[in-house]
Amino acid sequence: MKTLFAVALIVVATPALAQTTPAPVPAPVAASATAATVAPAAKYNLDTPIETLVADPAAKAVLDKDLGSDVSQHPAYDQFKAMSLNAVAPMSGGAVTDDMLKTIAADLATIK
């Protein structure tokens, strides 16, 4: 008897569950309007691997200027070159400060 009741409940409830109102479809946005509101991403940022930055003369110049030395000549360069500045900064013992990172980020953002 319980099984018959369960089957009857499923049969009766299924049409009620199927009666849902579809979600409204958003109006299409013109491609030109979307492109105009989205700014292009910067070529480099603080999450870019250091070796990628050093490979670009403009980005390397930013690092050399803002860090005050040629990072590619650091004795441990091979150990950290695949890391980003954001990853290296906490391990730098204070050599790479938050202010330095802000300056580097601003300068890297100017590279096209």
N, C-alpha and C. Protein backbone atom coordinates (compact mmCIF):
# COMPACT_ATOMS: atom_id res chain seq x y z
N MET A 1 0.82 -1.18 0.00
CA MET A 1 0.00 0.00 0.00
C MET A 1 0.87 1.26 0.00
N LYS A 2 1.97 1.25 0.81
CA LYS A 2 2.85 2.40 0.85
C LYS A 2 3.49 2.64 -0.51
N THR A 3 3.87 1.58 -1.20
CA THR A 3 4.50 1.71 -2.51
C THR A 3 3.54 2.32 -3.50
N LEU A 4 2.28 1.89 -3.49
CA LEU A 4 1.27 2.43 -4.39
C LEU A 4 1.04 3.91 -4.10
N PHE A 5 1.05 4.28 -2.83
CA PHE A 5 0.87 5.67 -2.46
C PHE A 5 2.06 6.52 -2.95
N ALA A 6 3.30 6.00 -2.81
CA ALA A 6 4.49 6.72 -3.25
C ALA A 6 4.47 6.94 -4.75
N VAL A 7 4.08 5.92 -5.52
CA VAL A 7 4.00 6.04 -6.98
C VAL A 7 2.94 7.06 -7.36
N ALA A 8 1.80 7.03 -6.69
CA ALA A 8 0.73 7.98 -6.97
C ALA A 8 1.18 9.41 -6.67
N LEU A 9 1.92 9.58 -5.59
CA LEU A 9 2.41 10.90 -5.23
C LEU A 9 3.36 11.43 -6.29
N ILE A 10 4.25 10.60 -6.79
CA ILE A 10 5.20 11.00 -7.83
C ILE A 10 4.45 11.39 -9.10
N VAL A 11 3.47 10.59 -9.49
CA VAL A 11 2.71 10.87 -10.71
C VAL A 11 1.94 12.18 -10.58
N VAL A 12 1.37 12.42 -9.42
CA VAL A 12 0.58 13.64 -9.21
C VAL A 12 1.50 14.85 -9.09
N ALA A 13 2.64 14.72 -8.42
CA ALA A 13 3.51 15.86 -8.14
C ALA A 13 4.35 16.26 -9.35
N THR A 14 4.68 15.34 -10.23
CA THR A 14 5.56 15.63 -11.36
C THR A 14 5.04 16.74 -12.26
N PRO A 15 3.77 16.74 -12.70
CA PRO A 15 3.32 17.84 -13.53
C PRO A 15 3.38 19.19 -12.81
N ALA A 16 3.16 19.21 -11.51
CA ALA A 16 3.21 20.46 -10.77
C ALA A 16 4.64 20.99 -10.72
N LEU A 17 5.60 20.10 -10.58
CA LEU A 17 7.00 20.52 -10.55
C LEU A 17 7.46 21.00 -11.92
N ALA A 18 6.90 20.45 -12.96
CA ALA A 18 7.32 20.82 -14.31
C ALA A 18 6.80 22.18 -14.73
N GLN A 19 5.85 22.74 -14.00
CA GLN A 19 5.26 24.03 -14.36
C GLN A 19 6.07 25.17 -13.75
N THR A 20 7.19 25.45 -14.35
CA THR A 20 8.01 26.56 -13.88
C THR A 20 8.02 27.65 -14.94
N THR A 21 8.20 28.84 -14.49
CA THR A 21 8.26 29.97 -15.41
C THR A 21 9.70 30.13 -15.87
N PRO A 22 9.91 30.20 -17.18
CA PRO A 22 11.29 30.34 -17.65
C PRO A 22 11.86 31.71 -17.26
N ALA A 23 13.15 31.73 -17.03
CA ALA A 23 13.82 32.98 -16.66
C ALA A 23 13.80 33.92 -17.85
N PRO A 24 13.66 35.21 -17.60
CA PRO A 24 13.66 36.16 -18.71
C PRO A 24 15.01 36.18 -19.41
N VAL A 25 14.98 36.34 -20.71
CA VAL A 25 16.20 36.38 -21.50
C VAL A 25 16.65 37.83 -21.57
N PRO A 26 17.91 38.12 -21.17
CA PRO A 26 18.37 39.49 -21.21
C PRO A 26 18.50 39.99 -22.65
N ALA A 27 18.28 41.27 -22.81
CA ALA A 27 18.40 41.86 -24.14
C ALA A 27 19.85 41.80 -24.60
N PRO A 28 20.07 41.54 -25.87
CA PRO A 28 21.46 41.47 -26.36
C PRO A 28 22.12 42.85 -26.27
N VAL A 29 23.41 42.83 -25.96
CA VAL A 29 24.19 44.05 -25.85
C VAL A 29 25.02 44.17 -27.12
N ALA A 30 25.05 45.33 -27.68
CA ALA A 30 25.83 45.55 -28.89
C ALA A 30 27.30 45.31 -28.60
N ALA A 31 28.00 44.67 -29.51
CA ALA A 31 29.41 44.36 -29.32
C ALA A 31 30.24 45.62 -29.13
N SER A 32 29.91 46.67 -29.83
CA SER A 32 30.69 47.90 -29.70
C SER A 32 30.52 48.52 -28.32
N ALA A 33 29.35 48.41 -27.73
CA ALA A 33 29.12 48.96 -26.39
C ALA A 33 29.93 48.18 -25.36
N THR A 34 30.00 46.87 -25.51
CA THR A 34 30.76 46.05 -24.58
C THR A 34 32.24 46.36 -24.72
N ALA A 35 32.74 46.44 -25.92
CA ALA A 35 34.16 46.69 -26.14
C ALA A 35 34.56 48.06 -25.61
N ALA A 36 33.66 49.02 -25.67
CA ALA A 36 33.98 50.37 -25.22
C ALA A 36 34.08 50.45 -23.70
N THR A 37 33.39 49.59 -22.98
CA THR A 37 33.39 49.67 -21.52
C THR A 37 34.46 48.80 -20.89
N VAL A 38 35.06 47.89 -21.62
CA VAL A 38 36.07 47.00 -21.08
C VAL A 38 37.45 47.52 -21.47
N ALA A 39 38.23 47.90 -20.48
CA ALA A 39 39.58 48.39 -20.75
C ALA A 39 40.50 47.21 -21.01
N PRO A 40 41.43 47.36 -21.92
CA PRO A 40 42.37 46.27 -22.18
C PRO A 40 43.26 46.03 -20.96
N ALA A 41 43.57 44.78 -20.72
CA ALA A 41 44.42 44.44 -19.58
C ALA A 41 45.84 44.91 -19.85
N ALA A 42 46.55 45.25 -18.79
CA ALA A 42 47.94 45.66 -18.92
C ALA A 42 48.75 44.48 -19.42
N LYS A 43 49.80 44.77 -20.16
CA LYS A 43 50.65 43.72 -20.72
C LYS A 43 51.34 42.95 -19.60
N TYR A 44 51.80 43.67 -18.57
CA TYR A 44 52.49 43.05 -17.44
C TYR A 44 51.89 43.55 -16.13
N ASN A 45 52.03 42.73 -15.08
CA ASN A 45 51.60 43.13 -13.75
C ASN A 45 52.47 42.42 -12.71
N LEU A 46 52.12 42.57 -11.47
CA LEU A 46 52.93 41.99 -10.39
C LEU A 46 52.83 40.48 -10.30
N ASP A 47 51.94 39.88 -11.07
CA ASP A 47 51.81 38.42 -11.10
C ASP A 47 52.52 37.81 -12.30
N THR A 48 53.11 38.62 -13.14
CA THR A 48 53.88 38.13 -14.29
C THR A 48 55.19 37.54 -13.79
N PRO A 49 55.59 36.38 -14.30
CA PRO A 49 56.87 35.80 -13.87
C PRO A 49 58.02 36.79 -14.12
N ILE A 50 58.95 36.84 -13.19
CA ILE A 50 60.07 37.78 -13.28
C ILE A 50 60.88 37.54 -14.55
N GLU A 51 61.08 36.28 -14.93
CA GLU A 51 61.86 36.00 -16.14
C GLU A 51 61.17 36.55 -17.39
N THR A 52 59.85 36.62 -17.40
CA THR A 52 59.12 37.21 -18.52
C THR A 52 59.36 38.72 -18.55
N LEU A 53 59.38 39.35 -17.38
CA LEU A 53 59.64 40.78 -17.30
C LEU A 53 61.07 41.10 -17.76
N VAL A 54 62.02 40.30 -17.32
CA VAL A 54 63.43 40.52 -17.67
C VAL A 54 63.65 40.33 -19.18
N ALA A 55 62.86 39.48 -19.80
CA ALA A 55 63.02 39.21 -21.24
C ALA A 55 62.57 40.38 -22.10
N ASP A 56 61.74 41.27 -21.56
CA ASP A 56 61.28 42.45 -22.30
C ASP A 56 62.12 43.65 -21.84
N PRO A 57 62.85 44.29 -22.77
CA PRO A 57 63.72 45.40 -22.37
C PRO A 57 62.99 46.53 -21.62
N ALA A 58 61.78 46.83 -22.01
CA ALA A 58 61.03 47.91 -21.33
C ALA A 58 60.67 47.51 -19.90
N ALA A 59 60.21 46.26 -19.72
CA ALA A 59 59.86 45.79 -18.38
C ALA A 59 61.10 45.63 -17.51
N LYS A 60 62.19 45.17 -18.11
CA LYS A 60 63.45 45.03 -17.36
C LYS A 60 63.93 46.40 -16.89
N ALA A 61 63.78 47.42 -17.73
CA ALA A 61 64.17 48.77 -17.35
C ALA A 61 63.36 49.25 -16.14
N VAL A 62 62.07 48.90 -16.11
CA VAL A 62 61.23 49.25 -14.96
C VAL A 62 61.77 48.58 -13.70
N LEU A 63 62.06 47.28 -13.79
CA LEU A 63 62.58 46.57 -12.62
C LEU A 63 63.90 47.16 -12.16
N ASP A 64 64.81 47.39 -13.11
CA ASP A 64 66.13 47.93 -12.76
C ASP A 64 65.99 49.28 -12.06
N LYS A 65 65.10 50.14 -12.58
CA LYS A 65 64.91 51.48 -12.01
C LYS A 65 64.24 51.40 -10.63
N ASP A 66 63.15 50.65 -10.56
CA ASP A 66 62.34 50.64 -9.34
C ASP A 66 62.93 49.77 -8.23
N LEU A 67 63.71 48.78 -8.59
CA LEU A 67 64.36 47.93 -7.57
C LEU A 67 65.76 48.44 -7.24
N GLY A 68 66.29 49.31 -8.09
CA GLY A 68 67.60 49.89 -7.83
C GLY A 68 68.78 49.01 -8.20
N SER A 69 68.51 47.92 -8.90
CA SER A 69 69.61 47.05 -9.34
C SER A 69 69.11 46.13 -10.45
N ASP A 70 70.04 45.44 -11.09
CA ASP A 70 69.71 44.50 -12.16
C ASP A 70 69.31 43.17 -11.52
N VAL A 71 68.01 42.94 -11.46
CA VAL A 71 67.49 41.73 -10.80
C VAL A 71 68.02 40.45 -11.45
N SER A 72 68.30 40.50 -12.74
CA SER A 72 68.78 39.29 -13.43
C SER A 72 70.20 38.92 -13.02
N GLN A 73 70.91 39.83 -12.33
CA GLN A 73 72.27 39.56 -11.85
C GLN A 73 72.29 39.11 -10.39
N HIS A 74 71.12 39.00 -9.79
CA HIS A 74 71.05 38.56 -8.39
C HIS A 74 71.57 37.13 -8.29
N PRO A 75 72.35 36.81 -7.27
CA PRO A 75 72.90 35.45 -7.14
C PRO A 75 71.85 34.34 -7.11
N ALA A 76 70.65 34.64 -6.63
CA ALA A 76 69.59 33.62 -6.53
C ALA A 76 68.57 33.73 -7.67
N TYR A 77 68.90 34.48 -8.72
CA TYR A 77 67.95 34.72 -9.82
C TYR A 77 67.36 33.41 -10.35
N ASP A 78 68.18 32.39 -10.56
CA ASP A 78 67.66 31.12 -11.11
C ASP A 78 66.65 30.47 -10.18
N GLN A 79 66.71 30.77 -8.91
CA GLN A 79 65.78 30.18 -7.95
C GLN A 79 64.44 30.89 -7.90
N PHE A 80 64.40 32.19 -8.26
CA PHE A 80 63.14 32.93 -8.17
C PHE A 80 62.63 33.47 -9.50
N LYS A 81 63.33 33.23 -10.59
CA LYS A 81 62.95 33.84 -11.87
C LYS A 81 61.57 33.40 -12.36
N ALA A 82 61.13 32.21 -12.01
CA ALA A 82 59.81 31.74 -12.44
C ALA A 82 58.68 32.26 -11.55
N MET A 83 59.04 32.94 -10.47
CA MET A 83 58.05 33.48 -9.54
C MET A 83 57.68 34.91 -9.93
N SER A 84 56.57 35.38 -9.41
CA SER A 84 56.15 36.76 -9.65
C SER A 84 56.69 37.65 -8.53
N LEU A 85 56.61 38.95 -8.76
CA LEU A 85 57.01 39.89 -7.71
C LEU A 85 56.12 39.76 -6.48
N ASN A 86 54.83 39.49 -6.70
CA ASN A 86 53.92 39.28 -5.57
C ASN A 86 54.33 38.07 -4.74
N ALA A 87 54.87 37.06 -5.38
CA ALA A 87 55.29 35.86 -4.67
C ALA A 87 56.64 36.06 -3.97
N VAL A 88 57.53 36.83 -4.60
CA VAL A 88 58.87 37.03 -4.05
C VAL A 88 58.88 38.03 -2.90
N ALA A 89 58.05 39.05 -2.97
CA ALA A 89 58.08 40.13 -1.98
C ALA A 89 58.02 39.65 -0.53
N PRO A 90 57.09 38.76 -0.17
CA PRO A 90 57.04 38.32 1.24
C PRO A 90 58.29 37.57 1.69
N MET A 91 59.02 37.00 0.75
CA MET A 91 60.22 36.23 1.08
C MET A 91 61.49 37.06 0.96
N SER A 92 61.36 38.35 0.64
CA SER A 92 62.53 39.19 0.38
C SER A 92 63.15 39.78 1.64
N GLY A 93 62.58 39.50 2.78
CA GLY A 93 63.12 40.05 4.01
C GLY A 93 63.01 41.57 4.08
N GLY A 94 62.00 42.12 3.42
CA GLY A 94 61.79 43.56 3.42
C GLY A 94 62.50 44.29 2.31
N ALA A 95 63.25 43.57 1.47
CA ALA A 95 63.97 44.22 0.36
C ALA A 95 63.00 44.73 -0.70
N VAL A 96 61.86 44.05 -0.87
CA VAL A 96 60.83 44.49 -1.81
C VAL A 96 59.63 44.92 -0.97
N THR A 97 59.43 46.22 -0.89
CA THR A 97 58.37 46.77 -0.03
C THR A 97 57.06 46.95 -0.80
N ASP A 98 56.01 47.20 -0.05
CA ASP A 98 54.70 47.47 -0.67
C ASP A 98 54.76 48.72 -1.54
N ASP A 99 55.48 49.74 -1.09
CA ASP A 99 55.61 50.96 -1.89
C ASP A 99 56.34 50.68 -3.20
N MET A 100 57.36 49.84 -3.14
CA MET A 100 58.08 49.47 -4.36
C MET A 100 57.14 48.73 -5.32
N LEU A 101 56.34 47.83 -4.77
CA LEU A 101 55.41 47.07 -5.61
C LEU A 101 54.40 48.00 -6.29
N LYS A 102 53.91 48.99 -5.55
CA LYS A 102 52.96 49.95 -6.13
C LYS A 102 53.60 50.72 -7.27
N THR A 103 54.84 51.15 -7.07
CA THR A 103 55.56 51.90 -8.10
C THR A 103 55.80 51.02 -9.33
N ILE A 104 56.23 49.79 -9.09
CA ILE A 104 56.49 48.86 -10.20
C ILE A 104 55.20 48.59 -10.96
N ALA A 105 54.13 48.35 -10.24
CA ALA A 105 52.84 48.07 -10.90
C ALA A 105 52.42 49.24 -11.77
N ALA A 106 52.56 50.45 -11.27
CA ALA A 106 52.18 51.63 -12.05
C ALA A 106 53.06 51.77 -13.29
N ASP A 107 54.35 51.53 -13.12
CA ASP A 107 55.28 51.65 -14.25
C ASP A 107 55.06 50.54 -15.27
N LEU A 108 54.78 49.32 -14.82
CA LEU A 108 54.52 48.22 -15.76
C LEU A 108 53.24 48.46 -16.54
N ALA A 109 52.27 49.12 -15.92
CA ALA A 109 50.99 49.38 -16.58
C ALA A 109 51.14 50.32 -17.77
N THR A 110 52.23 51.07 -17.82
CA THR A 110 52.43 52.01 -18.93
C THR A 110 53.01 51.32 -20.16
N ILE A 111 53.50 50.09 -19.99
CA ILE A 111 54.10 49.37 -21.12
C ILE A 111 53.00 48.82 -22.01
N LYS A 112 53.07 49.12 -23.28
CA LYS A 112 52.06 48.67 -24.23
C LYS A 112 52.56 47.47 -25.02
